């Protein structure tokens, strides 16, 4: 099996505390040299959050803030300009600090089903309740992802780009657990085939860029994500309940971004690998060590522990 990341890699998931993107990017490049990424700083306010960033990527589907929530808008306005300005500044900072970087560099975007469950329709209620609108959203996001990846490639000409698609809401979408506007009911579930097609539309938009599907929720739909085109899955190991489902995909060649915390992240990952029944010699090749999800604590000690854990896994080679 061949994966784009270096053996024994560690990386972050996305969000970090703070509001200084230049400092955040310096930390990531310095502490995670094998697999750095473009950090996200939601503490800067609306537009720097995951949904606002996703909205900044959408084409011909403007969004705006209303009563503290993002919704579809009739035309681009101030809120969308703020979100796009945050993204532009982050990309400019990335270019200043990493333009000569020649390794694997990760970027993150929210997935179509998490956006559909989070964005509101102009008349109220989650966009997810209108399956035609959800289909249009996936196509719009795919166009935006295509342009975003092309921009990052032009800014980092020596790097290999890795795309992470964040889908924390996907299990709830599939199970029909997304609440209605009133909160007294739930929206109807989305069939696996419809969910897979929308994901495949977004995953394939970046052409030959490898995709990591991130789902920090229980009941990760491993098979669906691989069928949609993900080469790796990122998950929180503390929420993993179905070892067999993960083992089946690992055996099929899927990479794992293992979200771990605590004093011995390398030990946690080794224990998982043993339970799955795979040889430790494949562990450092197939697995990247990460935090369980985005960070709300000072990142440097966490990143150093993860980097050390990744390198410890190479002892088994």
Protein backbone atom coordinates (compact mmCIF):
# COMPACT_ATOMS: atom_id res chain seq x y z
CA UNK A 1 0.00 0.00 0.00
CA UNK A 2 1.19 3.48 -0.89
CA UNK A 3 0.00 6.59 0.92
CA UNK A 4 0.96 10.22 0.20
CA UNK A 5 2.00 11.10 3.75
CA UNK A 6 5.42 10.22 5.23
CA UNK A 7 5.74 7.18 7.47
CA UNK A 8 5.16 8.04 11.13
CA UNK A 9 3.27 11.26 10.44
CA UNK A 10 1.19 13.36 12.80
CA UNK A 11 -1.10 16.26 11.95
CA UNK A 12 -3.94 18.39 13.27
CA UNK A 13 -7.60 18.21 12.37
CA UNK A 14 -8.51 21.84 11.70
CA UNK A 15 -9.47 24.40 14.32
CA UNK A 16 -7.05 25.94 16.81
CA UNK A 17 -7.50 28.51 19.59
CA UNK A 18 -6.50 32.12 19.08
CA UNK A 19 -6.98 34.80 16.46
CA UNK A 20 -3.49 35.25 14.94
CA UNK A 21 -3.34 33.21 11.75
CA UNK A 22 0.35 34.00 11.17
CA UNK A 23 1.30 32.59 14.58
CA UNK A 24 -0.97 29.58 14.11
CA UNK A 25 0.59 28.75 10.74
CA UNK A 26 4.10 29.09 12.21
CA UNK A 27 3.19 26.66 14.98
CA UNK A 28 1.78 24.11 12.55
CA UNK A 29 4.78 24.28 10.21
CA UNK A 30 7.22 24.07 13.10
CA UNK A 31 5.57 21.37 15.20
CA UNK A 32 4.06 19.17 12.45
CA UNK A 33 6.72 19.25 9.73
CA UNK A 34 5.77 15.88 8.19
CA UNK A 35 2.14 16.78 7.53
CA UNK A 36 1.31 20.46 8.19
CA UNK A 37 -2.07 21.95 7.39
CA UNK A 38 -3.94 25.23 7.00
CA UNK A 39 -5.24 25.99 10.51
CA UNK A 40 -8.72 27.37 11.18
CA UNK A 41 -9.31 29.98 13.89
CA UNK A 42 -13.05 30.14 14.68
CA UNK A 43 -12.42 32.43 17.68
CA UNK A 44 -12.11 35.29 15.19
CA UNK A 45 -15.89 35.23 14.85
CA UNK A 46 -18.59 34.36 12.31
CA UNK A 47 -17.08 33.61 8.94
CA UNK A 48 -14.03 31.94 10.47
CA UNK A 49 -16.15 29.05 11.74
CA UNK A 50 -16.52 25.79 9.81
CA UNK A 51 -19.91 26.60 8.29
CA UNK A 52 -18.92 30.14 7.40
CA UNK A 53 -15.78 28.84 5.71
CA UNK A 54 -17.85 26.34 3.77
CA UNK A 55 -20.17 29.11 2.68
CA UNK A 56 -17.18 31.12 1.44
CA UNK A 57 -16.42 28.26 -0.95
CA UNK A 58 -19.92 27.86 -2.39
CA UNK A 59 -20.55 29.13 -5.92
CA UNK A 60 -23.82 30.85 -6.85
CA UNK A 61 -25.25 30.00 -3.43
CA UNK A 62 -24.65 32.97 -1.10
CA UNK A 63 -25.17 32.73 2.64
CA UNK A 64 -25.76 35.22 5.43
CA UNK A 65 -26.13 35.34 9.20
CA UNK A 66 -29.63 35.54 10.61
CA UNK A 67 -30.38 35.26 14.33
CA UNK A 68 -26.92 33.86 14.90
CA UNK A 69 -27.23 31.10 12.29
CA UNK A 70 -26.07 30.79 8.70
CA UNK A 71 -28.79 30.63 6.06
CA UNK A 72 -29.09 30.78 2.30
CA UNK A 73 -29.33 34.40 1.09
CA UNK A 74 -30.85 36.00 -1.98
CA UNK A 75 -27.59 37.78 -2.85
CA UNK A 76 -24.03 38.13 -1.51
CA UNK A 77 -23.73 40.53 1.39
CA UNK A 78 -21.51 41.69 4.24
CA UNK A 79 -21.40 38.38 6.11
CA UNK A 80 -20.22 36.48 3.06
CA UNK A 81 -17.59 39.12 2.32
CA UNK A 82 -16.24 38.70 5.86
CA UNK A 83 -16.05 34.91 5.47
CA UNK A 84 -14.26 35.20 2.14
CA UNK A 85 -11.89 37.81 3.57
CA UNK A 86 -10.92 35.44 6.39
CA UNK A 87 -10.21 32.71 3.83
CA UNK A 88 -8.19 35.03 1.59
CA UNK A 89 -6.08 36.23 4.52
CA UNK A 90 -5.45 32.67 5.65
CA UNK A 91 -4.35 31.65 2.16
CA UNK A 92 -2.09 34.70 1.86
CA UNK A 93 -0.45 33.83 5.19
CA UNK A 94 -0.03 30.21 4.09
CA UNK A 95 1.65 31.44 0.89
CA UNK A 96 4.03 33.72 2.78
CA UNK A 97 5.15 30.98 5.16
CA UNK A 98 4.92 27.77 3.12
CA UNK A 99 5.45 28.67 -0.54
CA UNK A 100 8.71 26.65 -0.60
CA UNK A 101 7.27 23.68 1.29
CA UNK A 102 7.85 20.49 -0.71
CA UNK A 103 6.02 17.85 1.35
CA UNK A 104 2.39 16.92 1.90
CA UNK A 105 0.15 19.82 2.97
CA UNK A 106 -3.45 19.34 4.17
CA UNK A 107 -6.42 21.64 3.73
CA UNK A 108 -9.92 21.18 5.19
CA UNK A 109 -13.43 21.89 3.92
CA UNK A 110 -16.83 21.01 5.41
CA UNK A 111 -18.69 18.26 3.61
CA UNK A 112 -22.02 18.62 1.80
CA UNK A 113 -24.14 16.84 4.41
CA UNK A 114 -22.75 18.75 7.38
CA UNK A 115 -23.40 21.98 5.48
CA UNK A 116 -26.91 20.82 4.53
CA UNK A 117 -27.68 20.01 8.17
CA UNK A 118 -26.29 23.33 9.40
CA UNK A 119 -27.40 25.90 6.80
CA UNK A 120 -30.95 27.23 7.06
CA UNK A 121 -33.35 27.82 4.20
CA UNK A 122 -34.65 31.40 3.76
CA UNK A 123 -38.09 30.21 4.89
CA UNK A 124 -36.62 28.46 7.92
CA UNK A 125 -35.50 24.96 8.69
CA UNK A 126 -32.35 23.13 7.70
CA UNK A 127 -31.52 23.01 4.01
CA UNK A 128 -31.34 19.24 4.50
CA UNK A 129 -35.14 19.03 4.51
CA UNK A 130 -35.16 19.92 0.79
CA UNK A 131 -33.28 17.10 -0.93
CA UNK A 132 -33.21 18.99 -4.22
CA UNK A 133 -31.55 21.94 -2.49
CA UNK A 134 -29.08 19.54 -0.85
CA UNK A 135 -28.17 18.18 -4.27
CA UNK A 136 -27.60 21.73 -5.56
CA UNK A 137 -25.50 22.47 -2.49
CA UNK A 138 -23.23 19.50 -3.21
CA UNK A 139 -22.70 20.68 -6.80
CA UNK A 140 -21.98 24.24 -5.62
CA UNK A 141 -19.52 23.00 -3.00
CA UNK A 142 -17.79 20.80 -5.58
CA UNK A 143 -17.23 23.82 -7.82
CA UNK A 144 -15.84 25.77 -4.88
CA UNK A 145 -13.56 22.93 -3.77
CA UNK A 146 -12.21 22.60 -7.30
CA UNK A 147 -11.28 26.30 -7.35
CA UNK A 148 -9.93 26.21 -3.78
CA UNK A 149 -7.62 23.27 -4.47
CA UNK A 150 -6.37 24.92 -7.66
CA UNK A 151 -5.60 28.10 -5.71
CA UNK A 152 -3.68 26.23 -3.01
CA UNK A 153 -1.74 24.29 -5.65
CA UNK A 154 -0.74 27.52 -7.36
CA UNK A 155 0.37 29.01 -4.03
CA UNK A 156 2.29 25.88 -2.94
CA UNK A 157 3.72 24.65 -6.25
CA UNK A 158 6.18 22.18 -4.65
CA UNK A 159 3.69 20.58 -2.25
CA UNK A 160 1.42 17.56 -2.55
CA UNK A 161 -2.07 18.64 -1.49
CA UNK A 162 -4.24 16.47 0.75
CA UNK A 163 -7.93 17.38 1.09
CA UNK A 164 -9.80 16.70 4.33
CA UNK A 165 -13.60 16.79 4.09
CA UNK A 166 -15.28 17.29 7.47
CA UNK A 167 -18.56 15.38 7.92
CA UNK A 168 -19.40 15.26 11.66
CA UNK A 169 -23.14 15.38 10.88
CA UNK A 170 -23.13 12.53 8.36
CA UNK A 171 -24.17 9.72 10.77
CA UNK A 172 -27.11 11.82 12.02
CA UNK A 173 -28.14 12.59 8.43
CA UNK A 174 -28.12 8.92 7.51
CA UNK A 175 -30.03 7.90 10.65
CA UNK A 176 -32.65 10.65 10.47
CA UNK A 177 -31.50 12.29 13.71
CA UNK A 178 -31.16 15.91 12.50
CA UNK A 179 -33.77 17.95 14.43
CA UNK A 180 -36.47 19.90 12.65
CA UNK A 181 -36.85 23.66 13.11
CA UNK A 182 -39.21 23.21 16.05
CA UNK A 183 -36.97 20.66 17.72
CA UNK A 184 -39.93 18.36 18.35
CA UNK A 185 -39.28 16.14 15.33
CA UNK A 186 -36.43 15.06 13.10
CA UNK A 187 -35.85 15.38 9.38
CA UNK A 188 -36.23 12.29 7.24
CA UNK A 189 -33.10 10.27 6.69
CA UNK A 190 -31.02 10.40 3.54
CA UNK A 191 -30.45 7.08 1.79
CA UNK A 192 -26.88 5.79 1.67
CA UNK A 193 -26.83 5.92 -2.13
CA UNK A 194 -27.89 9.58 -2.22
CA UNK A 195 -25.38 10.45 0.50
CA UNK A 196 -22.62 8.58 -1.33
CA UNK A 197 -23.34 10.32 -4.64
CA UNK A 198 -23.15 13.79 -3.08
CA UNK A 199 -19.92 12.94 -1.30
CA UNK A 200 -18.44 11.50 -4.49
CA UNK A 201 -19.31 14.74 -6.31
CA UNK A 202 -17.25 16.72 -3.79
CA UNK A 203 -14.45 14.16 -3.36
CA UNK A 204 -13.87 13.92 -7.11
CA UNK A 205 -13.96 17.68 -7.68
CA UNK A 206 -10.32 18.02 -6.67
CA UNK A 207 -9.24 15.71 -9.51
CA UNK A 208 -6.24 13.66 -8.40
CA UNK A 209 -5.97 15.13 -4.87
CA UNK A 210 -6.27 12.38 -2.18
CA UNK A 211 -9.24 12.80 0.17
CA UNK A 212 -9.46 12.15 3.91
CA UNK A 213 -13.03 11.98 5.22
CA UNK A 214 -13.23 13.25 8.80
CA UNK A 215 -16.13 12.16 11.01
CA UNK A 216 -15.71 12.77 14.75
CA UNK A 217 -18.96 11.05 15.70
CA UNK A 218 -20.06 7.54 16.62
CA UNK A 219 -21.23 5.21 13.85
CA UNK A 220 -18.79 6.37 11.19
CA UNK A 221 -20.05 4.98 7.84
CA UNK A 222 -16.66 3.60 6.78
CA UNK A 223 -17.83 1.64 3.76
CA UNK A 224 -19.87 4.53 2.36
CA UNK A 225 -16.94 6.93 2.68
CA UNK A 226 -14.56 4.58 0.90
CA UNK A 227 -17.08 3.90 -1.86
CA UNK A 228 -17.46 7.66 -2.32
CA UNK A 229 -13.72 7.93 -2.98
CA UNK A 230 -12.03 8.65 0.36
CA UNK A 231 -8.57 7.08 0.64
CA UNK A 232 -8.50 7.58 4.42
CA UNK A 233 -10.87 8.22 7.29
CA UNK A 234 -10.21 10.49 10.28
CA UNK A 235 -12.01 9.58 13.49
CA UNK A 236 -12.01 9.91 17.27
CA UNK A 237 -10.83 6.55 18.60
CA UNK A 238 -12.65 7.09 21.90
CA UNK A 239 -15.97 7.02 20.01
CA UNK A 240 -15.18 3.91 17.95
CA UNK A 241 -17.67 1.12 18.66
CA UNK A 242 -17.50 -1.12 15.57
CA UNK A 243 -13.98 -2.52 15.27
CA UNK A 244 -15.02 -4.96 12.57
CA UNK A 245 -16.27 -2.20 10.27
CA UNK A 246 -13.01 -0.29 10.61
CA UNK A 247 -10.93 -3.45 10.25
CA UNK A 248 -12.70 -4.33 7.01
CA UNK A 249 -11.79 -0.98 5.47
CA UNK A 250 -8.22 -1.06 6.78
CA UNK A 251 -7.83 -4.50 5.24
CA UNK A 252 -9.08 -3.04 1.94
CA UNK A 253 -6.28 -0.47 2.06
CA UNK A 254 -7.91 2.55 3.67
CA UNK A 255 -5.70 4.90 5.66
CA UNK A 256 -6.61 5.98 9.20
CA UNK A 257 -6.17 9.36 10.85
CA UNK A 258 -6.40 8.18 14.43
CA UNK A 259 -7.69 10.82 16.83
CA UNK A 260 -6.17 10.18 20.26
CA UNK A 261 -5.53 12.03 23.50
CA UNK A 262 -3.98 11.27 26.85
CA UNK A 263 -0.46 10.55 28.08
CA UNK A 264 0.34 7.69 25.67
CA UNK A 265 -1.13 8.26 22.19
CA UNK A 266 1.28 5.78 20.60
CA UNK A 267 0.16 3.09 23.04
CA UNK A 268 -3.52 3.74 22.28
CA UNK A 269 -2.93 3.40 18.54
CA UNK A 270 -0.84 0.22 18.98
CA UNK A 271 -3.57 -1.34 21.12
CA UNK A 272 -6.16 -0.60 18.44
CA UNK A 273 -3.97 -2.12 15.73
CA UNK A 274 -3.48 -5.29 17.76
CA UNK A 275 -7.24 -5.60 18.37
CA UNK A 276 -7.83 -5.25 14.64
CA UNK A 277 -5.36 -8.07 14.06
CA UNK A 278 -2.96 -6.25 11.75
CA UNK A 279 0.84 -6.45 11.97
CA UNK A 280 2.53 -3.52 13.69
CA UNK A 281 4.86 -3.23 10.70
CA UNK A 282 2.02 -1.61 8.73
CA UNK A 283 0.95 0.75 11.50
CA UNK A 284 3.24 3.72 10.89
CA UNK A 285 2.62 3.46 7.14
CA UNK A 286 -1.17 3.38 7.20
CA UNK A 287 -1.94 5.52 10.26
CA UNK A 288 -1.50 9.24 10.92
CA UNK A 289 -1.76 10.36 14.57
CA UNK A 290 -4.05 13.35 15.24
CA UNK A 291 -6.01 15.00 18.05
CA UNK A 292 -9.56 13.64 18.41
CA UNK A 293 -10.96 16.80 16.80
CA UNK A 294 -10.19 20.50 16.67
CA UNK A 295 -8.18 22.02 19.51
CA UNK A 296 -9.43 24.40 22.20
CA UNK A 297 -6.24 24.16 24.31
CA UNK A 298 -2.70 25.46 23.67
CA UNK A 299 -1.60 23.47 20.63
CA UNK A 300 2.17 23.22 21.01
CA UNK A 301 2.26 20.53 23.77
CA UNK A 302 -0.43 18.54 21.96
CA UNK A 303 1.36 18.69 18.61
CA UNK A 304 4.68 17.71 20.17
CA UNK A 305 3.12 14.69 21.87
CA UNK A 306 1.48 13.61 18.62
CA UNK A 307 4.66 14.10 16.60
CA UNK A 308 6.56 12.01 19.13
CA UNK A 309 3.84 9.34 18.99
CA UNK A 310 4.02 9.16 15.20
CA UNK A 311 7.77 8.69 15.30
CA UNK A 312 7.49 6.05 18.02
CA UNK A 313 5.26 4.03 15.72
CA UNK A 314 8.18 3.74 13.27
CA UNK A 315 10.02 1.64 15.88
CA UNK A 316 7.77 -1.24 14.80
CA UNK A 317 8.95 -1.18 11.19
